Amino acid sequence: MDCIFCKIINKEIPSTIVYEDESVIAFKDLNPVAPVHILVVPKKHISALREVQEEDITLLGKVLYTCKEIAKSLPECDGGYRVINNCGDNAGQTVKHIHFHIIGGKNMPNLI
């Protein structure tokens, strides 16, 4: 598989890992858009949110819980943070492995 996130999970590509357990990995984004920009990724390869199956419900709950725990541990996120998932090309998904961005550490305008 030629998935960059799978290569990070398998330690074939270096990254700055901030959290890892048996089912989830989190690492710093190489091109951060804010002082805090961390990607939280399930180790199971799922290409996008629209591909999630009922069997993945527990895993995705773990991913979102991990997002909360990471943000809670970062003083830069005390004033708030965003958790973003891009699904598909039109939404800006560039890596076809489901992942969630934790973005914080600065004041961000409302998007909607």
C-alpha atoms as a PDB file:
ATOM      1  CA  MET A   1       0.000   0.000   0.000  1.00  0.00           C
ATOM      2  CA  ASP A   2       1.283   3.436  -0.896  1.00  0.00           C
ATOM      3  CA  CYS A   3      -0.418   5.312   1.959  1.00  0.00           C
ATOM      4  CA  ILE A   4       1.836   7.832   3.700  1.00  0.00           C
ATOM      5  CA  PHE A   5      -0.050   7.451   6.999  1.00  0.00           C
ATOM      6  CA  CYS A   6       0.288   3.651   6.865  1.00  0.00           C
ATOM      7  CA  LYS A   7       4.021   4.182   6.344  1.00  0.00           C
ATOM      8  CA  ILE A   8       4.138   6.438   9.421  1.00  0.00           C
ATOM      9  CA  ILE A   9       2.161   3.845  11.407  1.00  0.00           C
ATOM     10  CA  ASN A  10       4.636   1.152  10.302  1.00  0.00           C
ATOM     11  CA  LYS A  11       7.599   3.435  11.162  1.00  0.00           C
ATOM     12  CA  GLU A  12       8.791   3.456   7.535  1.00  0.00           C
ATOM     13  CA  ILE A  13       8.642   7.275   7.535  1.00  0.00           C
ATOM     14  CA  PRO A  14       9.740   9.346  10.534  1.00  0.00           C
ATOM     15  CA  SER A  15       7.292  11.649  12.274  1.00  0.00           C
ATOM     16  CA  THR A  16       6.967  13.480  15.555  1.00  0.00           C
ATOM     17  CA  ILE A  17       4.608  11.157  17.400  1.00  0.00           C
ATOM     18  CA  VAL A  18       2.736  12.697  20.330  1.00  0.00           C
ATOM     19  CA  TYR A  19       0.555   9.676  21.156  1.00  0.00           C
ATOM     20  CA  GLU A  20       0.357   6.026  20.207  1.00  0.00           C
ATOM     21  CA  ASP A  21      -1.466   2.934  21.382  1.00  0.00           C
ATOM     22  CA  GLU A  22      -2.585  -0.317  19.748  1.00  0.00           C
ATOM     23  CA  SER A  23      -5.266   1.330  17.579  1.00  0.00           C
ATOM     24  CA  VAL A  24      -4.478   5.051  17.264  1.00  0.00           C
ATOM     25  CA  ILE A  25      -1.458   7.190  16.445  1.00  0.00           C
ATOM     26  CA  ALA A  26      -1.137  10.985  16.651  1.00  0.00           C
ATOM     27  CA  PHE A  27       1.663  13.088  15.226  1.00  0.00           C
ATOM     28  CA  LYS A  28       2.521  16.688  14.415  1.00  0.00           C
ATOM     29  CA  ASP A  29       1.491  17.945  10.991  1.00  0.00           C
ATOM     30  CA  LEU A  30       4.466  18.731   8.753  1.00  0.00           C
ATOM     31  CA  ASN A  31       2.766  21.916   7.501  1.00  0.00           C
ATOM     32  CA  PRO A  32       1.008  23.336  10.546  1.00  0.00           C
ATOM     33  CA  VAL A  33      -1.654  26.020  10.117  1.00  0.00           C
ATOM     34  CA  ALA A  34      -1.618  26.955  13.824  1.00  0.00           C
ATOM     35  CA  PRO A  35       0.694  26.626  16.842  1.00  0.00           C
ATOM     36  CA  VAL A  36      -1.018  23.289  17.566  1.00  0.00           C
ATOM     37  CA  HIS A  37      -1.663  21.094  14.519  1.00  0.00           C
ATOM     38  CA  ILE A  38      -1.758  17.391  15.279  1.00  0.00           C
ATOM     39  CA  LEU A  39      -3.139  14.585  13.138  1.00  0.00           C
ATOM     40  CA  VAL A  40      -4.971  11.765  14.916  1.00  0.00           C
ATOM     41  CA  VAL A  41      -5.177   8.616  12.808  1.00  0.00           C
ATOM     42  CA  PRO A  42      -6.638   5.158  13.361  1.00  0.00           C
ATOM     43  CA  LYS A  43      -4.076   2.477  12.595  1.00  0.00           C
ATOM     44  CA  LYS A  44      -6.687   0.571  10.615  1.00  0.00           C
ATOM     45  CA  HIS A  45      -6.670   1.854   7.039  1.00  0.00           C
ATOM     46  CA  ILE A  46     -10.031   3.414   6.233  1.00  0.00           C
ATOM     47  CA  SER A  47      -9.841   5.701   3.228  1.00  0.00           C
ATOM     48  CA  ALA A  48     -12.402   8.323   4.339  1.00  0.00           C
ATOM     49  CA  LEU A  49     -15.269   8.983   6.726  1.00  0.00           C
ATOM     50  CA  ARG A  50     -17.734   7.865   4.058  1.00  0.00           C
ATOM     51  CA  GLU A  51     -16.077   4.412   4.123  1.00  0.00           C
ATOM     52  CA  VAL A  52     -16.581   3.840   7.869  1.00  0.00           C
ATOM     53  CA  GLN A  53     -18.486   0.628   8.640  1.00  0.00           C
ATOM     54  CA  GLU A  54     -20.582  -0.241  11.672  1.00  0.00           C
ATOM     55  CA  GLU A  55     -17.681  -2.383  12.917  1.00  0.00           C
ATOM     56  CA  ASP A  56     -15.578   0.826  13.117  1.00  0.00           C
ATOM     57  CA  ILE A  57     -17.845   2.654  15.584  1.00  0.00           C
ATOM     58  CA  THR A  58     -15.737   1.806  18.645  1.00  0.00           C
ATOM     59  CA  LEU A  59     -12.503   2.676  16.834  1.00  0.00           C
ATOM     60  CA  LEU A  60     -13.797   6.080  15.730  1.00  0.00           C
ATOM     61  CA  GLY A  61     -15.018   6.776  19.255  1.00  0.00           C
ATOM     62  CA  LYS A  62     -11.495   6.018  20.466  1.00  0.00           C
ATOM     63  CA  VAL A  63     -10.045   8.392  17.855  1.00  0.00           C
ATOM     64  CA  LEU A  64     -12.309  11.257  18.978  1.00  0.00           C
ATOM     65  CA  TYR A  65     -11.629  10.549  22.647  1.00  0.00           C
ATOM     66  CA  THR A  66      -7.899  10.652  21.836  1.00  0.00           C
ATOM     67  CA  CYS A  67      -8.384  14.048  20.171  1.00  0.00           C
ATOM     68  CA  LYS A  68      -9.972  15.356  23.362  1.00  0.00           C
ATOM     69  CA  GLU A  69      -7.273  13.919  25.619  1.00  0.00           C
ATOM     70  CA  ILE A  70      -4.430  15.319  23.504  1.00  0.00           C
ATOM     71  CA  ALA A  71      -6.021  18.783  23.384  1.00  0.00           C
ATOM     72  CA  LYS A  72      -6.672  18.662  27.142  1.00  0.00           C
ATOM     73  CA  SER A  73      -2.964  18.034  27.727  1.00  0.00           C
ATOM     74  CA  LEU A  74      -1.888  21.116  25.749  1.00  0.00           C
ATOM     75  CA  PRO A  75      -2.064  24.517  27.491  1.00  0.00           C
ATOM     76  CA  GLU A  76      -2.284  26.177  24.052  1.00  0.00           C
ATOM     77  CA  CYS A  77      -5.725  24.576  23.644  1.00  0.00           C
ATOM     78  CA  ASP A  78      -7.151  25.844  26.952  1.00  0.00           C
ATOM     79  CA  GLY A  79      -9.069  28.584  25.125  1.00  0.00           C
ATOM     80  CA  GLY A  80     -10.481  26.157  22.574  1.00  0.00           C
ATOM     81  CA  TYR A  81      -9.505  24.102  19.565  1.00  0.00           C
ATOM     82  CA  ARG A  82     -10.934  22.564  16.420  1.00  0.00           C
ATOM     83  CA  VAL A  83     -11.182  18.944  15.378  1.00  0.00           C
ATOM     84  CA  ILE A  84     -11.506  18.729  11.600  1.00  0.00           C
ATOM     85  CA  ASN A  85     -12.053  15.831   9.222  1.00  0.00           C
ATOM     86  CA  ASN A  86     -11.920  16.394   5.473  1.00  0.00           C
ATOM     87  CA  CYS A  87     -13.873  13.789   3.485  1.00  0.00           C
ATOM     88  CA  GLY A  88     -13.155  13.601  -0.236  1.00  0.00           C
ATOM     89  CA  ASP A  89     -11.341  15.695  -2.793  1.00  0.00           C
ATOM     90  CA  ASN A  90     -13.803  18.613  -2.763  1.00  0.00           C
ATOM     91  CA  ALA A  91     -13.382  18.901   1.004  1.00  0.00           C
ATOM     92  CA  GLY A  92      -9.598  19.037   0.718  1.00  0.00           C
ATOM     93  CA  GLN A  93      -8.737  15.472   1.770  1.00  0.00           C
ATOM     94  CA  THR A  94      -5.238  14.952   0.397  1.00  0.00           C
ATOM     95  CA  VAL A  95      -4.308  11.708   2.190  1.00  0.00           C
ATOM     96  CA  LYS A  96      -6.775   8.887   1.595  1.00  0.00           C
ATOM     97  CA  HIS A  97      -6.594   7.519   5.160  1.00  0.00           C
ATOM     98  CA  ILE A  98      -9.186   8.868   7.583  1.00  0.00           C
ATOM     99  CA  HIS A  99      -7.659  11.344  10.007  1.00  0.00           C
ATOM    100  CA  PHE A 100      -8.644  14.196  12.262  1.00  0.00           C
ATOM    101  CA  HIS A 101      -6.796  17.495  12.676  1.00  0.00           C
ATOM    102  CA  ILE A 102      -6.511  19.054  16.127  1.00  0.00           C
ATOM    103  CA  ILE A 103      -5.925  22.749  15.490  1.00  0.00           C
ATOM    104  CA  GLY A 104      -5.449  25.260  18.284  1.00  0.00           C
ATOM    105  CA  GLY A 105      -3.271  27.802  19.965  1.00  0.00           C
ATOM    106  CA  LYS A 106      -4.692  30.839  18.192  1.00  0.00           C
ATOM    107  CA  ASN A 107      -7.963  32.671  17.743  1.00  0.00           C
ATOM    108  CA  MET A 108      -9.769  31.316  14.697  1.00  0.00           C
ATOM    109  CA  PRO A 109     -12.666  32.928  12.838  1.00  0.00           C
ATOM    110  CA  ASN A 110     -16.021  31.208  12.495  1.00  0.00           C
ATOM    111  CA  LEU A 111     -16.212  29.127   9.341  1.00  0.00           C
ATOM    112  CA  ILE A 112     -19.964  28.645   9.278  1.00  0.00           C
END
